[in-house]
Amino acid sequence: MTVRTRTIVATTVLLGSLAVQTTLATRARALEPIPGSITYQGQPKTKLQKSPVGSIFSHSFSAGGARYEETYKVKEDRSLDLVNRRRLSNR
């Protein structure tokens, strides 16, 4: 094996490894609902029929002595996707 071939193989392995790590890290960071989240006990029973697909809205609530603001996106099937959560304060 030439030096060039070894370099190409090593680079390919490294890039493949980075791709796998990025995919796994993205899945691990998916937000899970917490008490107070709209989707904490599953999707709401009523669907947002008037909200356009892809629209985004926020929801503020208290949980465990802290204030949070969550951002949701309306999916094509009218269910909600939790896309962001911010901790606003400790009170």
PDB file of N, CA and C in Angstrom:
ATOM      1  N   MET A   1       0.843  -1.171   0.000  1.00  0.00           N
ATOM      2  CA  MET A   1       0.000   0.000   0.000  1.00  0.00           C
ATOM      3  C   MET A   1       0.890   1.238   0.000  1.00  0.00           C
ATOM      4  N   THR A   2       0.586   2.168  -0.860  1.00  0.00           N
ATOM      5  CA  THR A   2       1.392   3.384  -0.925  1.00  0.00           C
ATOM      6  C   THR A   2       0.968   4.341   0.180  1.00  0.00           C
ATOM      7  N   VAL A   3       1.785   5.332   0.405  1.00  0.00           N
ATOM      8  CA  VAL A   3       1.481   6.347   1.415  1.00  0.00           C
ATOM      9  C   VAL A   3       0.195   7.080   1.039  1.00  0.00           C
ATOM     10  N   ARG A   4       0.039   7.367  -0.218  1.00  0.00           N
ATOM     11  CA  ARG A   4      -1.170   8.071  -0.684  1.00  0.00           C
ATOM     12  C   ARG A   4      -2.418   7.227  -0.430  1.00  0.00           C
ATOM     13  N   THR A   5      -2.357   5.937  -0.708  1.00  0.00           N
ATOM     14  CA  THR A   5      -3.496   5.045  -0.483  1.00  0.00           C
ATOM     15  C   THR A   5      -3.825   4.968   1.004  1.00  0.00           C
ATOM     16  N   ARG A   6      -2.791   4.856   1.841  1.00  0.00           N
ATOM     17  CA  ARG A   6      -3.021   4.819   3.298  1.00  0.00           C
ATOM     18  C   ARG A   6      -3.668   6.111   3.785  1.00  0.00           C
ATOM     19  N   THR A   7      -3.231   7.223   3.244  1.00  0.00           N
ATOM     20  CA  THR A   7      -3.804   8.515   3.631  1.00  0.00           C
ATOM     21  C   THR A   7      -5.271   8.593   3.232  1.00  0.00           C
ATOM     22  N   ILE A   8      -5.587   8.136   2.042  1.00  0.00           N
ATOM     23  CA  ILE A   8      -6.980   8.152   1.574  1.00  0.00           C
ATOM     24  C   ILE A   8      -7.844   7.246   2.445  1.00  0.00           C
ATOM     25  N   VAL A   9      -7.357   6.067   2.771  1.00  0.00           N
ATOM     26  CA  VAL A   9      -8.109   5.133   3.621  1.00  0.00           C
ATOM     27  C   VAL A   9      -8.317   5.741   5.005  1.00  0.00           C
ATOM     28  N   ALA A  10      -7.271   6.306   5.585  1.00  0.00           N
ATOM     29  CA  ALA A  10      -7.375   6.905   6.918  1.00  0.00           C
ATOM     30  C   ALA A  10      -8.361   8.070   6.912  1.00  0.00           C
ATOM     31  N   THR A  11      -8.314   8.892   5.886  1.00  0.00           N
ATOM     32  CA  THR A  11      -9.233  10.025   5.782  1.00  0.00           C
ATOM     33  C   THR A  11     -10.672   9.546   5.643  1.00  0.00           C
ATOM     34  N   THR A  12     -10.893   8.528   4.850  1.00  0.00           N
ATOM     35  CA  THR A  12     -12.236   7.972   4.661  1.00  0.00           C
ATOM     36  C   THR A  12     -12.784   7.415   5.973  1.00  0.00           C
ATOM     37  N   VAL A  13     -11.964   6.697   6.704  1.00  0.00           N
ATOM     38  CA  VAL A  13     -12.382   6.143   8.000  1.00  0.00           C
ATOM     39  C   VAL A  13     -12.700   7.271   8.975  1.00  0.00           C
ATOM     40  N   LEU A  14     -11.867   8.294   9.013  1.00  0.00           N
ATOM     41  CA  LEU A  14     -12.081   9.426   9.913  1.00  0.00           C
ATOM     42  C   LEU A  14     -13.382  10.153   9.575  1.00  0.00           C
ATOM     43  N   LEU A  15     -13.603  10.436   8.315  1.00  0.00           N
ATOM     44  CA  LEU A  15     -14.829  11.129   7.913  1.00  0.00           C
ATOM     45  C   LEU A  15     -16.071  10.285   8.195  1.00  0.00           C
ATOM     46  N   GLY A  16     -15.989   8.985   7.975  1.00  0.00           N
ATOM     47  CA  GLY A  16     -17.106   8.099   8.294  1.00  0.00           C
ATOM     48  C   GLY A  16     -17.412   8.100   9.779  1.00  0.00           C
ATOM     49  N   SER A  17     -16.373   8.072  10.582  1.00  0.00           N
ATOM     50  CA  SER A  17     -16.532   8.101  12.036  1.00  0.00           C
ATOM     51  C   SER A  17     -17.175   9.410  12.488  1.00  0.00           C
ATOM     52  N   LEU A  18     -16.734  10.521  11.924  1.00  0.00           N
ATOM     53  CA  LEU A  18     -17.319  11.819  12.271  1.00  0.00           C
ATOM     54  C   LEU A  18     -18.789  11.899  11.868  1.00  0.00           C
ATOM     55  N   ALA A  19     -19.132  11.334  10.734  1.00  0.00           N
ATOM     56  CA  ALA A  19     -20.528  11.339  10.288  1.00  0.00           C
ATOM     57  C   ALA A  19     -21.413  10.558  11.256  1.00  0.00           C
ATOM     58  N   VAL A  20     -20.942   9.410  11.702  1.00  0.00           N
ATOM     59  CA  VAL A  20     -21.701   8.597  12.658  1.00  0.00           C
ATOM     60  C   VAL A  20     -21.849   9.337  13.981  1.00  0.00           C
ATOM     61  N   GLN A  21     -20.788   9.944  14.470  1.00  0.00           N
ATOM     62  CA  GLN A  21     -20.845  10.678  15.734  1.00  0.00           C
ATOM     63  C   GLN A  21     -21.807  11.851  15.644  1.00  0.00           C
ATOM     64  N   THR A  22     -21.792  12.564  14.536  1.00  0.00           N
ATOM     65  CA  THR A  22     -22.702  13.693  14.354  1.00  0.00           C
ATOM     66  C   THR A  22     -24.149  13.227  14.361  1.00  0.00           C
ATOM     67  N   THR A  23     -24.436  12.141  13.692  1.00  0.00           N
ATOM     68  CA  THR A  23     -25.795  11.599  13.656  1.00  0.00           C
ATOM     69  C   THR A  23     -26.248  11.188  15.047  1.00  0.00           C
ATOM     70  N   LEU A  24     -25.408  10.497  15.779  1.00  0.00           N
ATOM     71  CA  LEU A  24     -25.767  10.053  17.129  1.00  0.00           C
ATOM     72  C   LEU A  24     -25.924  11.231  18.071  1.00  0.00           C
ATOM     73  N   ALA A  25     -25.070  12.228  17.971  1.00  0.00           N
ATOM     74  CA  ALA A  25     -25.158  13.396  18.844  1.00  0.00           C
ATOM     75  C   ALA A  25     -26.440  14.172  18.574  1.00  0.00           C
ATOM     76  N   THR A  26     -26.846  14.284  17.333  1.00  0.00           N
ATOM     77  CA  THR A  26     -28.079  14.987  16.991  1.00  0.00           C
ATOM     78  C   THR A  26     -29.280  14.271  17.588  1.00  0.00           C
ATOM     79  N   ARG A  27     -29.314  12.961  17.495  1.00  0.00           N
ATOM     80  CA  ARG A  27     -30.422  12.199  18.080  1.00  0.00           C
ATOM     81  C   ARG A  27     -30.428  12.311  19.594  1.00  0.00           C
ATOM     82  N   ALA A  28     -29.275  12.340  20.221  1.00  0.00           N
ATOM     83  CA  ALA A  28     -29.195  12.408  21.677  1.00  0.00           C
ATOM     84  C   ALA A  28     -29.687  13.750  22.200  1.00  0.00           C
ATOM     85  N   ARG A  29     -29.610  14.788  21.376  1.00  0.00           N
ATOM     86  CA  ARG A  29     -30.017  16.110  21.819  1.00  0.00           C
ATOM     87  C   ARG A  29     -31.492  16.394  21.599  1.00  0.00           C
ATOM     88  N   ALA A  30     -32.255  15.449  21.135  1.00  0.00           N
ATOM     89  CA  ALA A  30     -33.683  15.675  20.928  1.00  0.00           C
ATOM     90  C   ALA A  30     -34.320  16.038  22.261  1.00  0.00           C
ATOM     91  N   LEU A  31     -35.150  17.061  22.262  1.00  0.00           N
ATOM     92  CA  LEU A  31     -35.777  17.523  23.496  1.00  0.00           C
ATOM     93  C   LEU A  31     -36.886  16.580  23.930  1.00  0.00           C
ATOM     94  N   GLU A  32     -36.889  16.259  25.179  1.00  0.00           N
ATOM     95  CA  GLU A  32     -37.960  15.465  25.770  1.00  0.00           C
ATOM     96  C   GLU A  32     -38.850  16.410  26.565  1.00  0.00           C
ATOM     97  N   PRO A  33     -40.161  16.240  26.498  1.00  0.00           N
ATOM     98  CA  PRO A  33     -41.062  17.094  27.270  1.00  0.00           C
ATOM     99  C   PRO A  33     -40.834  16.921  28.770  1.00  0.00           C
ATOM    100  N   ILE A  34     -41.027  18.004  29.514  1.00  0.00           N
ATOM    101  CA  ILE A  34     -40.941  17.986  30.974  1.00  0.00           C
ATOM    102  C   ILE A  34     -42.308  18.406  31.514  1.00  0.00           C
ATOM    103  N   PRO A  35     -42.576  18.199  32.818  1.00  0.00           N
ATOM    104  CA  PRO A  35     -43.863  18.640  33.360  1.00  0.00           C
ATOM    105  C   PRO A  35     -44.101  20.119  33.039  1.00  0.00           C
ATOM    106  N   GLY A  36     -45.252  20.415  32.457  1.00  0.00           N
ATOM    107  CA  GLY A  36     -45.576  21.766  32.017  1.00  0.00           C
ATOM    108  C   GLY A  36     -45.504  21.919  30.506  1.00  0.00           C
ATOM    109  N   SER A  37     -44.777  21.030  29.840  1.00  0.00           N
ATOM    110  CA  SER A  37     -44.712  21.052  28.377  1.00  0.00           C
ATOM    111  C   SER A  37     -46.074  20.668  27.807  1.00  0.00           C
ATOM    112  N   ILE A  38     -46.429  21.238  26.684  1.00  0.00           N
ATOM    113  CA  ILE A  38     -47.706  20.906  26.046  1.00  0.00           C
ATOM    114  C   ILE A  38     -47.770  19.420  25.716  1.00  0.00           C
ATOM    115  N   THR A  39     -46.655  18.849  25.334  1.00  0.00           N
ATOM    116  CA  THR A  39     -46.631  17.442  24.916  1.00  0.00           C
ATOM    117  C   THR A  39     -46.127  16.503  26.015  1.00  0.00           C
ATOM    118  N   TYR A  40     -46.157  16.947  27.275  1.00  0.00           N
ATOM    119  CA  TYR A  40     -45.613  16.127  28.365  1.00  0.00           C
ATOM    120  C   TYR A  40     -46.285  14.760  28.473  1.00  0.00           C
ATOM    121  N   GLN A  41     -47.594  14.708  28.380  1.00  0.00           N
ATOM    122  CA  GLN A  41     -48.303  13.424  28.472  1.00  0.00           C
ATOM    123  C   GLN A  41     -48.786  12.975  27.097  1.00  0.00           C
ATOM    124  N   GLY A  42     -48.014  13.271  26.077  1.00  0.00           N
ATOM    125  CA  GLY A  42     -48.369  12.911  24.710  1.00  0.00           C
ATOM    126  C   GLY A  42     -48.898  14.115  23.947  1.00  0.00           C
ATOM    127  N   GLN A  43     -49.244  13.899  22.709  1.00  0.00           N
ATOM    128  CA  GLN A  43     -49.772  14.971  21.870  1.00  0.00           C
ATOM    129  C   GLN A  43     -51.141  15.400  22.398  1.00  0.00           C
ATOM    130  N   PRO A  44     -51.470  16.695  22.279  1.00  0.00           N
ATOM    131  CA  PRO A  44     -52.801  17.156  22.699  1.00  0.00           C
ATOM    132  C   PRO A  44     -53.894  16.407  21.937  1.00  0.00           C
ATOM    133  N   LYS A  45     -55.034  16.230  22.601  1.00  0.00           N
ATOM    134  CA  LYS A  45     -56.145  15.502  21.970  1.00  0.00           C
ATOM    135  C   LYS A  45     -56.750  16.294  20.811  1.00  0.00           C
ATOM    136  N   THR A  46     -56.727  17.619  20.914  1.00  0.00           N
ATOM    137  CA  THR A  46     -57.246  18.448  19.824  1.00  0.00           C
ATOM    138  C   THR A  46     -56.084  18.904  18.954  1.00  0.00           C
ATOM    139  N   LYS A  47     -56.274  18.864  17.665  1.00  0.00           N
ATOM    140  CA  LYS A  47     -55.239  19.273  16.715  1.00  0.00           C
ATOM    141  C   LYS A  47     -55.422  20.748  16.366  1.00  0.00           C
ATOM    142  N   LEU A  48     -54.345  21.387  15.990  1.00  0.00           N
ATOM    143  CA  LEU A  48     -54.389  22.791  15.600  1.00  0.00           C
ATOM    144  C   LEU A  48     -54.820  22.889  14.137  1.00  0.00           C
ATOM    145  N   GLN A  49     -56.123  22.908  13.899  1.00  0.00           N
ATOM    146  CA  GLN A  49     -56.660  22.879  12.535  1.00  0.00           C
ATOM    147  C   GLN A  49     -56.453  24.193  11.784  1.00  0.00           C
ATOM    148  N   LYS A  50     -56.436  25.323  12.498  1.00  0.00           N
ATOM    149  CA  LYS A  50     -56.325  26.616  11.817  1.00  0.00           C
ATOM    150  C   LYS A  50     -54.883  27.086  11.675  1.00  0.00           C
ATOM    151  N   SER A  51     -53.975  26.475  12.380  1.00  0.00           N
ATOM    152  CA  SER A  51     -52.569  26.879  12.297  1.00  0.00           C
ATOM    153  C   SER A  51     -51.933  26.280  11.052  1.00  0.00           C
ATOM    154  N   PRO A  52     -51.254  27.106  10.266  1.00  0.00           N
ATOM    155  CA  PRO A  52     -50.604  26.576   9.062  1.00  0.00           C
ATOM    156  C   PRO A  52     -49.503  25.575   9.415  1.00  0.00           C
ATOM    157  N   VAL A  53     -49.358  24.556   8.602  1.00  0.00           N
ATOM    158  CA  VAL A  53     -48.271  23.592   8.775  1.00  0.00           C
ATOM    159  C   VAL A  53     -46.955  24.362   8.719  1.00  0.00           C
ATOM    160  N   GLY A  54     -46.067  24.068   9.652  1.00  0.00           N
ATOM    161  CA  GLY A  54     -44.776  24.749   9.703  1.00  0.00           C
ATOM    162  C   GLY A  54     -44.772  25.978  10.585  1.00  0.00           C
ATOM    163  N   SER A  55     -45.950  26.405  11.063  1.00  0.00           N
ATOM    164  CA  SER A  55     -45.974  27.588  11.916  1.00  0.00           C
ATOM    165  C   SER A  55     -45.337  27.267  13.264  1.00  0.00           C
ATOM    166  N   ILE A  56     -44.815  28.299  13.880  1.00  0.00           N
ATOM    167  CA  ILE A  56     -44.066  28.162  15.130  1.00  0.00           C
ATOM    168  C   ILE A  56     -44.729  29.034  16.185  1.00  0.00           C
ATOM    169  N   PHE A  57     -44.808  28.518  17.417  1.00  0.00           N
ATOM    170  CA  PHE A  57     -45.338  29.308  18.528  1.00  0.00           C
ATOM    171  C   PHE A  57     -44.590  28.946  19.803  1.00  0.00           C
ATOM    172  N   SER A  58     -44.718  29.824  20.807  1.00  0.00           N
ATOM    173  CA  SER A  58     -44.020  29.578  22.074  1.00  0.00           C
ATOM    174  C   SER A  58     -45.025  29.325  23.192  1.00  0.00           C
ATOM    175  N   HIS A  59     -44.542  28.700  24.236  1.00  0.00           N
ATOM    176  CA  HIS A  59     -45.341  28.337  25.413  1.00  0.00           C
ATOM    177  C   HIS A  59     -44.458  28.554  26.636  1.00  0.00           C
ATOM    178  N   SER A  60     -44.920  29.375  27.594  1.00  0.00           N
ATOM    179  CA  SER A  60     -44.162  29.638  28.825  1.00  0.00           C
ATOM    180  C   SER A  60     -44.846  28.955  29.996  1.00  0.00           C
ATOM    181  N   PHE A  61     -44.055  28.442  30.928  1.00  0.00           N
ATOM    182  CA  PHE A  61     -44.604  27.746  32.089  1.00  0.00           C
ATOM    183  C   PHE A  61     -43.549  27.646  33.186  1.00  0.00           C
ATOM    184  N   SER A  62     -43.998  27.255  34.379  1.00  0.00           N
ATOM    185  CA  SER A  62     -43.107  27.024  35.516  1.00  0.00           C
ATOM    186  C   SER A  62     -43.021  25.534  35.785  1.00  0.00           C
ATOM    187  N   ALA A  63     -41.833  25.086  36.150  1.00  0.00           N
ATOM    188  CA  ALA A  63     -41.631  23.679  36.511  1.00  0.00           C
ATOM    189  C   ALA A  63     -40.445  23.595  37.454  1.00  0.00           C
ATOM    190  N   GLY A  64     -40.643  22.946  38.579  1.00  0.00           N
ATOM    191  CA  GLY A  64     -39.547  22.750  39.525  1.00  0.00           C
ATOM    192  C   GLY A  64     -38.936  24.046  40.019  1.00  0.00           C
ATOM    193  N   GLY A  65     -39.739  25.094  40.165  1.00  0.00           N
ATOM    194  CA  GLY A  65     -39.238  26.369  40.657  1.00  0.00           C
ATOM    195  C   GLY A  65     -38.549  27.226  39.611  1.00  0.00           C
ATOM    196  N   ALA A  66     -38.585  26.837  38.370  1.00  0.00           N
ATOM    197  CA  ALA A  66     -37.951  27.615  37.298  1.00  0.00           C
ATOM    198  C   ALA A  66     -38.987  27.955  36.228  1.00  0.00           C
ATOM    199  N   ARG A  67     -38.761  29.056  35.514  1.00  0.00           N
ATOM    200  CA  ARG A  67     -39.607  29.448  34.386  1.00  0.00           C
ATOM    201  C   ARG A  67     -38.950  28.991  33.096  1.00  0.00           C
ATOM    202  N   TYR A  68     -39.751  28.453  32.203  1.00  0.00           N
ATOM    203  CA  TYR A  68     -39.259  27.966  30.915  1.00  0.00           C
ATOM    204  C   TYR A  68     -40.086  28.562  29.786  1.00  0.00           C
ATOM    205  N   GLU A  69     -39.473  28.648  28.618  1.00  0.00           N
ATOM    206  CA  GLU A  69     -40.185  28.985  27.393  1.00  0.00           C
ATOM    207  C   GLU A  69     -39.808  27.939  26.354  1.00  0.00           C
ATOM    208  N   GLU A  70     -40.826  27.291  25.797  1.00  0.00           N
ATOM    209  CA  GLU A  70     -40.594  26.276  24.775  1.00  0.00           C
ATOM    210  C   GLU A  70     -41.129  26.772  23.435  1.00  0.00           C
ATOM    211  N   THR A  71     -40.494  26.333  22.375  1.00  0.00           N
ATOM    212  CA  THR A  71     -40.923  26.654  21.019  1.00  0.00           C
ATOM    213  C   THR A  71     -41.386  25.366  20.348  1.00  0.00           C
ATOM    214  N   TYR A  72     -42.564  25.430  19.746  1.00  0.00           N
ATOM    215  CA  TYR A  72     -43.157  24.286  19.053  1.00  0.00           C
ATOM    216  C   TYR A  72     -43.360  24.616  17.580  1.00  0.00           C
ATOM    217  N   LYS A  73     -43.341  23.573  16.751  1.00  0.00           N
ATOM    218  CA  LYS A  73     -43.614  23.704  15.321  1.00  0.00           C
ATOM    219  C   LYS A  73     -44.754  22.752  14.973  1.00  0.00           C
ATOM    220  N   VAL A  74     -45.707  23.235  14.178  1.00  0.00           N
ATOM    221  CA  VAL A  74     -46.838  22.413  13.747  1.00  0.00           C
ATOM    222  C   VAL A  74     -46.380  21.544  12.577  1.00  0.00           C
ATOM    223  N   LYS A  75     -46.483  20.220  12.767  1.00  0.00           N
ATOM    224  CA  LYS A  75     -46.078  19.281  11.717  1.00  0.00           C
ATOM    225  C   LYS A  75     -47.223  19.057  10.729  1.00  0.00           C
ATOM    226  N   GLU A  76     -46.923  18.367   9.636  1.00  0.00           N
ATOM    227  CA  GLU A  76     -47.908  18.136   8.576  1.00  0.00           C
ATOM    228  C   GLU A  76     -49.164  17.420   9.064  1.00  0.00           C
ATOM    229  N   ASP A  77     -49.007  16.518  10.020  1.00  0.00           N
ATOM    230  CA  ASP A  77     -50.170  15.785  10.538  1.00  0.00           C
ATOM    231  C   ASP A  77     -50.873  16.554  11.662  1.00  0.00           C
ATOM    232  N   ARG A  78     -50.482  17.813  11.847  1.00  0.00           N
ATOM    233  CA  ARG A  78     -51.046  18.730  12.856  1.00  0.00           C
ATOM    234  C   ARG A  78     -50.610  18.402  14.276  1.00  0.00           C
ATOM    235  N   SER A  79     -49.678  17.495  14.446  1.00  0.00           N
ATOM    236  CA  SER A  79     -49.113  17.255  15.770  1.00  0.00           C
ATOM    237  C   SER A  79     -48.029  18.302  16.008  1.00  0.00           C
ATOM    238  N   LEU A  80     -47.519  18.353  17.232  1.00  0.00           N
ATOM    239  CA  LEU A  80     -46.542  19.371  17.609  1.00  0.00           C
ATOM    240  C   LEU A  80     -45.162  18.764  17.773  1.00  0.00           C
ATOM    241  N   ASP A  81     -44.164  19.520  17.358  1.00  0.00           N
ATOM    242  CA  ASP A  81     -42.768  19.122  17.486  1.00  0.00           C
ATOM    243  C   ASP A  81     -42.086  20.129  18.402  1.00  0.00           C
ATOM    244  N   LEU A  82     -41.560  19.664  19.533  1.00  0.00           N
ATOM    245  CA  LEU A  82     -40.834  20.526  20.467  1.00  0.00           C
ATOM    246  C   LEU A  82     -39.448  20.782  19.890  1.00  0.00           C
ATOM    247  N   VAL A  83     -39.166  22.037  19.519  1.00  0.00           N
ATOM    248  CA  VAL A  83     -37.909  22.330  18.829  1.00  0.00           C
ATOM    249  C   VAL A  83     -36.900  23.094  19.677  1.00  0.00           C
ATOM    250  N   ASN A  84     -37.351  23.731  20.768  1.00  0.00           N
ATOM    251  CA  ASN A  84     -36.413  24.496  21.589  1.00  0.00           C
ATOM    252  C   ASN A  84     -36.987  24.698  22.988  1.00  0.00           C
ATOM    253  N   ARG A  85     -36.107  24.777  23.975  1.00  0.00           N
ATOM    254  CA  ARG A  85     -36.512  25.105  25.346  1.00  0.00           C
ATOM    255  C   ARG A  85     -35.465  26.035  25.940  1.00  0.00           C
ATOM    256  N   ARG A  86     -35.941  27.103  26.584  1.00  0.00           N
ATOM    257  CA  ARG A  86     -35.037  28.021  27.282  1.00  0.00           C
ATOM    258  C   ARG A  86     -35.456  28.117  28.736  1.00  0.00           C
ATOM    259  N   ARG A  87     -34.484  28.111  29.621  1.00  0.00           N
ATOM    260  CA  ARG A  87     -34.758  28.362  31.034  1.00  0.00           C
ATOM    261  C   ARG A  87     -34.674  29.863  31.231  1.00  0.00           C
ATOM    262  N   LEU A  88     -35.778  30.471  31.680  1.00  0.00           N
ATOM    263  CA  LEU A  88     -35.830  31.922  31.804  1.00  0.00           C
ATOM    264  C   LEU A  88     -35.331  32.405  33.152  1.00  0.00           C
ATOM    265  N   SER A  89     -35.671  31.695  34.229  1.00  0.00           N
ATOM    266  CA  SER A  89     -35.259  32.122  35.569  1.00  0.00           C
ATOM    267  C   SER A  89     -35.410  30.971  36.545  1.00  0.00           C
ATOM    268  N   ASN A  90     -34.960  31.208  37.769  1.00  0.00           N
ATOM    269  CA  ASN A  90     -35.094  30.208  38.827  1.00  0.00           C
ATOM    270  C   ASN A  90     -36.360  30.405  39.638  1.00  0.00           C
ATOM    271  N   ARG A  91     -37.167  31.368  39.318  1.00  0.00           N
ATOM    272  CA  ARG A  91     -38.403  31.611  40.065  1.00  0.00           C
ATOM    273  C   ARG A  91     -39.584  31.542  39.177  1.00  0.00           C
TER     274      ARG A  91
END
